[in-house]
Amino acid sequence: MSQPEVTIYTKFGCGFCARAKRLLDSKDVQYTEHDITFGGEKRDEMLSRAPAARTVPQIFIGDMHVGGSDDLAALESQGKLDEMLTA
């Protein structure tokens, strides 16, 4: 099975972004990171995928919006993250 595409939208100097990336890195998850520090089309893309999102990171596994760093950590602690990464 292949891993679904994982996308994370971040900003420079964001501690929560670093925490989320550390968790993904610890699981050897390949992900695409989009730095939206200065806005631009990737910020607009993030908002089109998650219209209520106003903070970073915003994490997507496939087409599913996971949410932020705390949401990702909660999935891990509930044992659900590995399932999502192999779906």
PDB file of N, CA and C in Angstrom:
ATOM      1  N   MET A   1       0.832  -1.194   0.000  1.00  0.00           N
ATOM      2  CA  MET A   1       0.000   0.000   0.000  1.00  0.00           C
ATOM      3  C   MET A   1       0.870   1.248   0.000  1.00  0.00           C
ATOM      4  N   SER A   2       0.431   2.245  -0.704  1.00  0.00           N
ATOM      5  CA  SER A   2       1.180   3.489  -0.700  1.00  0.00           C
ATOM      6  C   SER A   2       0.532   4.477   0.259  1.00  0.00           C
ATOM      7  N   GLN A   3       1.360   5.330   0.770  1.00  0.00           N
ATOM      8  CA  GLN A   3       0.891   6.349   1.709  1.00  0.00           C
ATOM      9  C   GLN A   3       0.121   7.420   0.957  1.00  0.00           C
ATOM     10  N   PRO A   4      -1.015   7.870   1.504  1.00  0.00           N
ATOM     11  CA  PRO A   4      -1.714   8.989   0.867  1.00  0.00           C
ATOM     12  C   PRO A   4      -0.856  10.255   0.947  1.00  0.00           C
ATOM     13  N   GLU A   5      -1.126  11.177   0.059  1.00  0.00           N
ATOM     14  CA  GLU A   5      -0.373  12.429   0.055  1.00  0.00           C
ATOM     15  C   GLU A   5      -0.654  13.202   1.341  1.00  0.00           C
ATOM     16  N   VAL A   6       0.411  13.661   1.978  1.00  0.00           N
ATOM     17  CA  VAL A   6       0.293  14.464   3.196  1.00  0.00           C
ATOM     18  C   VAL A   6       0.802  15.859   2.863  1.00  0.00           C
ATOM     19  N   THR A   7      -0.014  16.857   3.190  1.00  0.00           N
ATOM     20  CA  THR A   7       0.328  18.249   2.926  1.00  0.00           C
ATOM     21  C   THR A   7       0.215  19.027   4.226  1.00  0.00           C
ATOM     22  N   ILE A   8       1.211  19.883   4.478  1.00  0.00           N
ATOM     23  CA  ILE A   8       1.184  20.715   5.681  1.00  0.00           C
ATOM     24  C   ILE A   8       1.507  22.161   5.279  1.00  0.00           C
ATOM     25  N   TYR A   9       0.649  23.058   5.699  1.00  0.00           N
ATOM     26  CA  TYR A   9       0.831  24.492   5.465  1.00  0.00           C
ATOM     27  C   TYR A   9       1.423  25.083   6.739  1.00  0.00           C
ATOM     28  N   THR A  10       2.536  25.810   6.609  1.00  0.00           N
ATOM     29  CA  THR A  10       3.279  26.313   7.763  1.00  0.00           C
ATOM     30  C   THR A  10       3.634  27.784   7.587  1.00  0.00           C
ATOM     31  N   LYS A  11       4.173  28.348   8.663  1.00  0.00           N
ATOM     32  CA  LYS A  11       4.751  29.691   8.625  1.00  0.00           C
ATOM     33  C   LYS A  11       6.100  29.642   9.329  1.00  0.00           C
ATOM     34  N   PHE A  12       6.997  30.534   8.915  1.00  0.00           N
ATOM     35  CA  PHE A  12       8.328  30.621   9.501  1.00  0.00           C
ATOM     36  C   PHE A  12       8.239  30.889  11.003  1.00  0.00           C
ATOM     37  N   GLY A  13       9.019  30.155  11.774  1.00  0.00           N
ATOM     38  CA  GLY A  13       9.103  30.376  13.213  1.00  0.00           C
ATOM     39  C   GLY A  13       7.941  29.813  14.014  1.00  0.00           C
ATOM     40  N   CYS A  14       7.093  29.031  13.402  1.00  0.00           N
ATOM     41  CA  CYS A  14       5.909  28.486  14.080  1.00  0.00           C
ATOM     42  C   CYS A  14       6.293  27.220  14.865  1.00  0.00           C
ATOM     43  N   GLY A  15       6.205  27.301  16.178  1.00  0.00           N
ATOM     44  CA  GLY A  15       6.525  26.156  17.026  1.00  0.00           C
ATOM     45  C   GLY A  15       5.578  24.983  16.841  1.00  0.00           C
ATOM     46  N   PHE A  16       4.298  25.284  16.647  1.00  0.00           N
ATOM     47  CA  PHE A  16       3.325  24.212  16.430  1.00  0.00           C
ATOM     48  C   PHE A  16       3.595  23.496  15.101  1.00  0.00           C
ATOM     49  N   CYS A  17       4.047  24.258  14.111  1.00  0.00           N
ATOM     50  CA  CYS A  17       4.401  23.664  12.811  1.00  0.00           C
ATOM     51  C   CYS A  17       5.585  22.714  12.989  1.00  0.00           C
ATOM     52  N   ALA A  18       6.589  23.171  13.737  1.00  0.00           N
ATOM     53  CA  ALA A  18       7.767  22.335  13.988  1.00  0.00           C
ATOM     54  C   ALA A  18       7.366  21.058  14.731  1.00  0.00           C
ATOM     55  N   ARG A  19       6.463  21.180  15.685  1.00  0.00           N
ATOM     56  CA  ARG A  19       6.004  20.013  16.445  1.00  0.00           C
ATOM     57  C   ARG A  19       5.295  19.008  15.538  1.00  0.00           C
ATOM     58  N   ALA A  20       4.434  19.488  14.669  1.00  0.00           N
ATOM     59  CA  ALA A  20       3.722  18.601  13.750  1.00  0.00           C
ATOM     60  C   ALA A  20       4.700  17.915  12.796  1.00  0.00           C
ATOM     61  N   LYS A  21       5.670  18.660  12.280  1.00  0.00           N
ATOM     62  CA  LYS A  21       6.643  18.079  11.362  1.00  0.00           C
ATOM     63  C   LYS A  21       7.517  17.050  12.072  1.00  0.00           C
ATOM     64  N   ARG A  22       7.866  17.306  13.343  1.00  0.00           N
ATOM     65  CA  ARG A  22       8.643  16.322  14.114  1.00  0.00           C
ATOM     66  C   ARG A  22       7.890  15.010  14.245  1.00  0.00           C
ATOM     67  N   LEU A  23       6.585  15.094  14.521  1.00  0.00           N
ATOM     68  CA  LEU A  23       5.784  13.877  14.639  1.00  0.00           C
ATOM     69  C   LEU A  23       5.761  13.124  13.307  1.00  0.00           C
ATOM     70  N   LEU A  24       5.521  13.843  12.216  1.00  0.00           N
ATOM     71  CA  LEU A  24       5.505  13.195  10.904  1.00  0.00           C
ATOM     72  C   LEU A  24       6.878  12.605  10.569  1.00  0.00           C
ATOM     73  N   ASP A  25       7.941  13.352  10.863  1.00  0.00           N
ATOM     74  CA  ASP A  25       9.298  12.865  10.600  1.00  0.00           C
ATOM     75  C   ASP A  25       9.602  11.607  11.422  1.00  0.00           C
ATOM     76  N   SER A  26       9.124  11.571  12.662  1.00  0.00           N
ATOM     77  CA  SER A  26       9.397  10.417  13.524  1.00  0.00           C
ATOM     78  C   SER A  26       8.735   9.150  12.985  1.00  0.00           C
ATOM     79  N   LYS A  27       7.725   9.321  12.169  1.00  0.00           N
ATOM     80  CA  LYS A  27       7.017   8.188  11.571  1.00  0.00           C
ATOM     81  C   LYS A  27       7.468   7.949  10.127  1.00  0.00           C
ATOM     82  N   ASP A  28       8.527   8.656   9.706  1.00  0.00           N
ATOM     83  CA  ASP A  28       9.047   8.565   8.340  1.00  0.00           C
ATOM     84  C   ASP A  28       7.985   8.864   7.289  1.00  0.00           C
ATOM     85  N   VAL A  29       7.116   9.807   7.591  1.00  0.00           N
ATOM     86  CA  VAL A  29       6.058  10.206   6.663  1.00  0.00           C
ATOM     87  C   VAL A  29       6.629  11.227   5.682  1.00  0.00           C
ATOM     88  N   GLN A  30       6.436  10.965   4.411  1.00  0.00           N
ATOM     89  CA  GLN A  30       6.793  11.928   3.379  1.00  0.00           C
ATOM     90  C   GLN A  30       5.660  12.944   3.281  1.00  0.00           C
ATOM     91  N   TYR A  31       5.996  14.220   3.264  1.00  0.00           N
ATOM     92  CA  TYR A  31       4.955  15.248   3.173  1.00  0.00           C
ATOM     93  C   TYR A  31       5.436  16.410   2.328  1.00  0.00           C
ATOM     94  N   THR A  32       4.479  17.149   1.826  1.00  0.00           N
ATOM     95  CA  THR A  32       4.760  18.371   1.086  1.00  0.00           C
ATOM     96  C   THR A  32       4.449  19.532   2.008  1.00  0.00           C
ATOM     97  N   GLU A  33       5.427  20.405   2.169  1.00  0.00           N
ATOM     98  CA  GLU A  33       5.249  21.576   3.033  1.00  0.00           C
ATOM     99  C   GLU A  33       5.122  22.825   2.180  1.00  0.00           C
ATOM    100  N   HIS A  34       4.123  23.641   2.513  1.00  0.00           N
ATOM    101  CA  HIS A  34       3.934  24.931   1.849  1.00  0.00           C
ATOM    102  C   HIS A  34       4.059  26.021   2.908  1.00  0.00           C
ATOM    103  N   ASP A  35       5.073  26.863   2.767  1.00  0.00           N
ATOM    104  CA  ASP A  35       5.288  27.971   3.691  1.00  0.00           C
ATOM    105  C   ASP A  35       4.425  29.144   3.217  1.00  0.00           C
ATOM    106  N   ILE A  36       3.472  29.527   4.057  1.00  0.00           N
ATOM    107  CA  ILE A  36       2.559  30.614   3.682  1.00  0.00           C
ATOM    108  C   ILE A  36       2.830  31.885   4.496  1.00  0.00           C
ATOM    109  N   THR A  37       4.069  32.021   4.975  1.00  0.00           N
ATOM    110  CA  THR A  37       4.440  33.181   5.787  1.00  0.00           C
ATOM    111  C   THR A  37       4.040  34.493   5.116  1.00  0.00           C
ATOM    112  N   PHE A  38       4.246  34.574   3.824  1.00  0.00           N
ATOM    113  CA  PHE A  38       3.969  35.816   3.102  1.00  0.00           C
ATOM    114  C   PHE A  38       2.675  35.758   2.303  1.00  0.00           C
ATOM    115  N   GLY A  39       1.800  34.818   2.659  1.00  0.00           N
ATOM    116  CA  GLY A  39       0.518  34.714   1.967  1.00  0.00           C
ATOM    117  C   GLY A  39       0.675  34.059   0.617  1.00  0.00           C
ATOM    118  N   GLY A  40       0.033  34.628  -0.375  1.00  0.00           N
ATOM    119  CA  GLY A  40       0.160  34.132  -1.734  1.00  0.00           C
ATOM    120  C   GLY A  40      -0.826  33.038  -2.077  1.00  0.00           C
ATOM    121  N   GLU A  41      -0.568  32.411  -3.227  1.00  0.00           N
ATOM    122  CA  GLU A  41      -1.533  31.439  -3.745  1.00  0.00           C
ATOM    123  C   GLU A  41      -1.632  30.183  -2.893  1.00  0.00           C
ATOM    124  N   LYS A  42      -0.565  29.788  -2.207  1.00  0.00           N
ATOM    125  CA  LYS A  42      -0.650  28.593  -1.349  1.00  0.00           C
ATOM    126  C   LYS A  42      -1.510  28.875  -0.109  1.00  0.00           C
ATOM    127  N   ARG A  43      -1.493  30.110   0.386  1.00  0.00           N
ATOM    128  CA  ARG A  43      -2.396  30.475   1.483  1.00  0.00           C
ATOM    129  C   ARG A  43      -3.834  30.406   0.996  1.00  0.00           C
ATOM    130  N   ASP A  44      -4.067  30.929  -0.193  1.00  0.00           N
ATOM    131  CA  ASP A  44      -5.406  30.872  -0.778  1.00  0.00           C
ATOM    132  C   ASP A  44      -5.844  29.418  -0.981  1.00  0.00           C
ATOM    133  N   GLU A  45      -4.909  28.577  -1.424  1.00  0.00           N
ATOM    134  CA  GLU A  45      -5.202  27.154  -1.597  1.00  0.00           C
ATOM    135  C   GLU A  45      -5.599  26.529  -0.263  1.00  0.00           C
ATOM    136  N   MET A  46      -4.832  26.843   0.801  1.00  0.00           N
ATOM    137  CA  MET A  46      -5.149  26.319   2.132  1.00  0.00           C
ATOM    138  C   MET A  46      -6.557  26.729   2.544  1.00  0.00           C
ATOM    139  N   LEU A  47      -6.888  27.991   2.336  1.00  0.00           N
ATOM    140  CA  LEU A  47      -8.204  28.494   2.737  1.00  0.00           C
ATOM    141  C   LEU A  47      -9.330  27.901   1.893  1.00  0.00           C
ATOM    142  N   SER A  48      -9.029  27.550   0.656  1.00  0.00           N
ATOM    143  CA  SER A  48     -10.063  26.909  -0.157  1.00  0.00           C
ATOM    144  C   SER A  48     -10.296  25.474   0.311  1.00  0.00           C
ATOM    145  N   ARG A  49      -9.247  24.844   0.837  1.00  0.00           N
ATOM    146  CA  ARG A  49      -9.372  23.471   1.333  1.00  0.00           C
ATOM    147  C   ARG A  49      -9.949  23.426   2.743  1.00  0.00           C
ATOM    148  N   ALA A  50      -9.671  24.471   3.533  1.00  0.00           N
ATOM    149  CA  ALA A  50     -10.155  24.547   4.917  1.00  0.00           C
ATOM    150  C   ALA A  50     -10.583  25.984   5.176  1.00  0.00           C
ATOM    151  N   PRO A  51     -11.787  26.351   4.753  1.00  0.00           N
ATOM    152  CA  PRO A  51     -12.227  27.749   4.801  1.00  0.00           C
ATOM    153  C   PRO A  51     -12.195  28.390   6.192  1.00  0.00           C
ATOM    154  N   ALA A  52     -12.358  27.630   7.235  1.00  0.00           N
ATOM    155  CA  ALA A  52     -12.371  28.207   8.585  1.00  0.00           C
ATOM    156  C   ALA A  52     -10.978  28.307   9.198  1.00  0.00           C
ATOM    157  N   ALA A  53      -9.966  27.818   8.517  1.00  0.00           N
ATOM    158  CA  ALA A  53      -8.605  27.793   9.055  1.00  0.00           C
ATOM    159  C   ALA A  53      -8.022  29.195   9.125  1.00  0.00           C
ATOM    160  N   ARG A  54      -7.555  29.561  10.288  1.00  0.00           N
ATOM    161  CA  ARG A  54      -6.922  30.870  10.453  1.00  0.00           C
ATOM    162  C   ARG A  54      -5.557  30.759  11.120  1.00  0.00           C
ATOM    163  N   THR A  55      -5.164  29.540  11.466  1.00  0.00           N
ATOM    164  CA  THR A  55      -3.881  29.317  12.118  1.00  0.00           C
ATOM    165  C   THR A  55      -3.109  28.262  11.335  1.00  0.00           C
ATOM    166  N   VAL A  56      -1.837  28.152  11.644  1.00  0.00           N
ATOM    167  CA  VAL A  56      -1.003  27.095  11.084  1.00  0.00           C
ATOM    168  C   VAL A  56      -0.415  26.289  12.235  1.00  0.00           C
ATOM    169  N   PRO A  57      -0.058  25.056  11.979  1.00  0.00           N
ATOM    170  CA  PRO A  57      -0.140  24.385  10.697  1.00  0.00           C
ATOM    171  C   PRO A  57      -1.565  23.949  10.379  1.00  0.00           C
ATOM    172  N   GLN A  58      -1.799  23.725   9.118  1.00  0.00           N
ATOM    173  CA  GLN A  58      -3.012  23.049   8.659  1.00  0.00           C
ATOM    174  C   GLN A  58      -2.523  21.820   7.911  1.00  0.00           C
ATOM    175  N   ILE A  59      -3.029  20.664   8.318  1.00  0.00           N
ATOM    176  CA  ILE A  59      -2.519  19.389   7.830  1.00  0.00           C
ATOM    177  C   ILE A  59      -3.631  18.635   7.115  1.00  0.00           C
ATOM    178  N   PHE A  60      -3.263  18.066   5.980  1.00  0.00           N
ATOM    179  CA  PHE A  60      -4.187  17.262   5.184  1.00  0.00           C
ATOM    180  C   PHE A  60      -3.546  15.914   4.908  1.00  0.00           C
ATOM    181  N   ILE A  61      -4.327  14.861   5.060  1.00  0.00           N
ATOM    182  CA  ILE A  61      -3.903  13.525   4.657  1.00  0.00           C
ATOM    183  C   ILE A  61      -4.859  13.123   3.548  1.00  0.00           C
ATOM    184  N   GLY A  62      -4.320  13.012   2.349  1.00  0.00           N
ATOM    185  CA  GLY A  62      -5.177  12.851   1.179  1.00  0.00           C
ATOM    186  C   GLY A  62      -6.049  14.083   1.075  1.00  0.00           C
ATOM    187  N   ASP A  63      -7.344  13.885   0.908  1.00  0.00           N
ATOM    188  CA  ASP A  63      -8.277  15.012   0.838  1.00  0.00           C
ATOM    189  C   ASP A  63      -8.869  15.358   2.197  1.00  0.00           C
ATOM    190  N   MET A  64      -8.487  14.602   3.233  1.00  0.00           N
ATOM    191  CA  MET A  64      -9.065  14.827   4.563  1.00  0.00           C
ATOM    192  C   MET A  64      -8.299  15.902   5.324  1.00  0.00           C
ATOM    193  N   HIS A  65      -9.033  16.881   5.825  1.00  0.00           N
ATOM    194  CA  HIS A  65      -8.445  17.933   6.639  1.00  0.00           C
ATOM    195  C   HIS A  65      -8.306  17.421   8.072  1.00  0.00           C
ATOM    196  N   VAL A  66      -7.075  17.258   8.515  1.00  0.00           N
ATOM    197  CA  VAL A  66      -6.799  16.779   9.878  1.00  0.00           C
ATOM    198  C   VAL A  66      -6.962  17.915  10.876  1.00  0.00           C
ATOM    199  N   GLY A  67      -6.480  19.102  10.512  1.00  0.00           N
ATOM    200  CA  GLY A  67      -6.507  20.247  11.413  1.00  0.00           C
ATOM    201  C   GLY A  67      -5.089  20.678  11.711  1.00  0.00           C
ATOM    202  N   GLY A  68      -4.848  21.044  12.966  1.00  0.00           N
ATOM    203  CA  GLY A  68      -3.544  21.546  13.369  1.00  0.00           C
ATOM    204  C   GLY A  68      -2.701  20.528  14.104  1.00  0.00           C
ATOM    205  N   SER A  69      -1.666  21.036  14.755  1.00  0.00           N
ATOM    206  CA  SER A  69      -0.711  20.193  15.461  1.00  0.00           C
ATOM    207  C   SER A  69      -1.367  19.383  16.582  1.00  0.00           C
ATOM    208  N   ASP A  70      -2.231  20.026  17.356  1.00  0.00           N
ATOM    209  CA  ASP A  70      -2.908  19.316  18.446  1.00  0.00           C
ATOM    210  C   ASP A  70      -3.806  18.208  17.904  1.00  0.00           C
ATOM    211  N   ASP A  71      -4.460  18.462  16.781  1.00  0.00           N
ATOM    212  CA  ASP A  71      -5.325  17.448  16.161  1.00  0.00           C
ATOM    213  C   ASP A  71      -4.502  16.255  15.682  1.00  0.00           C
ATOM    214  N   LEU A  72      -3.342  16.536  15.098  1.00  0.00           N
ATOM    215  CA  LEU A  72      -2.460  15.468  14.637  1.00  0.00           C
ATOM    216  C   LEU A  72      -1.972  14.641  15.824  1.00  0.00           C
ATOM    217  N   ALA A  73      -1.568  15.325  16.899  1.00  0.00           N
ATOM    218  CA  ALA A  73      -1.098  14.627  18.099  1.00  0.00           C
ATOM    219  C   ALA A  73      -2.214  13.783  18.719  1.00  0.00           C
ATOM    220  N   ALA A  74      -3.438  14.286  18.687  1.00  0.00           N
ATOM    221  CA  ALA A  74      -4.574  13.533  19.234  1.00  0.00           C
ATOM    222  C   ALA A  74      -4.805  12.259  18.427  1.00  0.00           C
ATOM    223  N   LEU A  75      -4.712  12.347  17.113  1.00  0.00           N
ATOM    224  CA  LEU A  75      -4.867  11.150  16.278  1.00  0.00           C
ATOM    225  C   LEU A  75      -3.797  10.123  16.616  1.00  0.00           C
ATOM    226  N   GLU A  76      -2.581  10.590  16.841  1.00  0.00           N
ATOM    227  CA  GLU A  76      -1.484   9.691  17.199  1.00  0.00           C
ATOM    228  C   GLU A  76      -1.752   9.025  18.550  1.00  0.00           C
ATOM    229  N   SER A  77      -2.177   9.808  19.533  1.00  0.00           N
ATOM    230  CA  SER A  77      -2.408   9.237  20.870  1.00  0.00           C
ATOM    231  C   SER A  77      -3.596   8.282  20.894  1.00  0.00           C
ATOM    232  N   GLN A  78      -4.535   8.465  19.969  1.00  0.00           N
ATOM    233  CA  GLN A  78      -5.692   7.567  19.868  1.00  0.00           C
ATOM    234  C   GLN A  78      -5.401   6.349  19.000  1.00  0.00           C
ATOM    235  N   GLY A  79      -4.204   6.290  18.434  1.00  0.00           N
ATOM    236  CA  GLY A  79      -3.834   5.168  17.583  1.00  0.00           C
ATOM    237  C   GLY A  79      -4.472   5.209  16.202  1.00  0.00           C
ATOM    238  N   LYS A  80      -4.965   6.367  15.788  1.00  0.00           N
ATOM    239  CA  LYS A  80      -5.661   6.477  14.504  1.00  0.00           C
ATOM    240  C   LYS A  80      -4.776   7.001  13.370  1.00  0.00           C
ATOM    241  N   LEU A  81      -3.659   7.626  13.715  1.00  0.00           N
ATOM    242  CA  LEU A  81      -2.832   8.251  12.676  1.00  0.00           C
ATOM    243  C   LEU A  81      -2.248   7.202  11.723  1.00  0.00           C
ATOM    244  N   ASP A  82      -1.728   6.120  12.254  1.00  0.00           N
ATOM    245  CA  ASP A  82      -1.144   5.088  11.392  1.00  0.00           C
ATOM    246  C   ASP A  82      -2.171   4.542  10.411  1.00  0.00           C
ATOM    247  N   GLU A  83      -3.406   4.358  10.883  1.00  0.00           N
ATOM    248  CA  GLU A  83      -4.491   3.891   9.999  1.00  0.00           C
ATOM    249  C   GLU A  83      -4.680   4.849   8.831  1.00  0.00           C
ATOM    250  N   MET A  84      -4.725   6.135   9.148  1.00  0.00           N
ATOM    251  CA  MET A  84      -4.957   7.140   8.113  1.00  0.00           C
ATOM    252  C   MET A  84      -3.815   7.187   7.112  1.00  0.00           C
ATOM    253  N   LEU A  85      -2.604   6.925   7.588  1.00  0.00           N
ATOM    254  CA  LEU A  85      -1.436   7.014   6.721  1.00  0.00           C
ATOM    255  C   LEU A  85      -1.284   5.799   5.812  1.00  0.00           C
ATOM    256  N   THR A  86      -2.051   4.751   6.072  1.00  0.00           N
ATOM    257  CA  THR A  86      -1.963   3.558   5.232  1.00  0.00           C
ATOM    258  C   THR A  86      -3.262   3.304   4.481  1.00  0.00           C
ATOM    259  N   ALA A  87      -4.206   4.215   4.629  1.00  0.00           N
ATOM    260  CA  ALA A  87      -5.520   4.038   3.968  1.00  0.00           C
ATOM    261  C   ALA A  87      -5.434   4.249   2.481  1.00  0.00           C
TER     262      ALA A  87
END
